[in-house]
Amino acid sequence: MSCILHIETSTEVCSVAVSQDGACIYSEEDFNGPSHAVTLGVYVDRALSFVESHAIPLDAVAVSCGPGSYTGLRIGVSMAKGVCYGRGVPLIGLPTLEVMCVPVLLRHELPDDALLCPMIDARRMEVYATIYDRALRVVRPTEADVIDEHSYAELLADHPVYFFGNGAEKCRTKLTHPNAHFIEKIYPLAKWMFPLAEKAMAIEDFKDVAYFEPFYLKEFVASKPKKLL
């Protein structure tokens, strides 16, 4: 087991946590954002001060790496890299949508054949979503889905599917199949990252600190100026 600093900034929520020996021992969250550029540095400083005051050696930094807010992901990954460079510890990158599944699996009783569909709002009727089974095996990879009455029809025909995250609420009126279930108030938070981070730590699944980039899903494209005639 290890001591890991966790950073999550993929949505409007900014959160930082510290885990040791498979348990969360420190956590701070800000639901009033997005103000990650100001808040994150303060939270990380406090978390590192907590670690130092308890004489706990830091073993790694884990960051939620997307999909999500382009700006939020850049801030979070940049901060994680900075701590890794400064402390000489490895970097762990965790898929944001997988992180969102952790509280669902820990807090809710689900049928054996249940599928999980975490969703991040991508504006209008579009969401970033992945489909997992209860063992967190990917049933369908991450995609940007435009939701209508026919979305996920094949999966819903054979399985109860649980939708959650800040993109799920707007889908209620479209996903009306009896097998569609919605779980409220599920956010990607740093305090839920530790089970996945511990697994990555055990198999040494580390990212290259110099070259690692967030998973934006949709590449940010700056608008090009129109040519003057």
Foldseek 3Di string as FASTA:
>chain_A
DFWEWEWEQQEFKTKIFIDDPLATDDIDIDNPGPPCVPPVVVRVVVRVVVCVVVVGQHAAYEYAFDQGDPVRNVSRLVVRLVVCVVRVHFYHYDHLQLLLCQCVLVPHDDDQQEKEWEWEDPPDQWTWIFIAGSVRDTPGDTDTDRAALCPPVVVLVPHQYEYEDPNVVVCCVRDPRPSYHYDYDGGNYRNSCRVVVVVCVVVVVTDDSVDDHGPNNDDDDDDDDDDDD
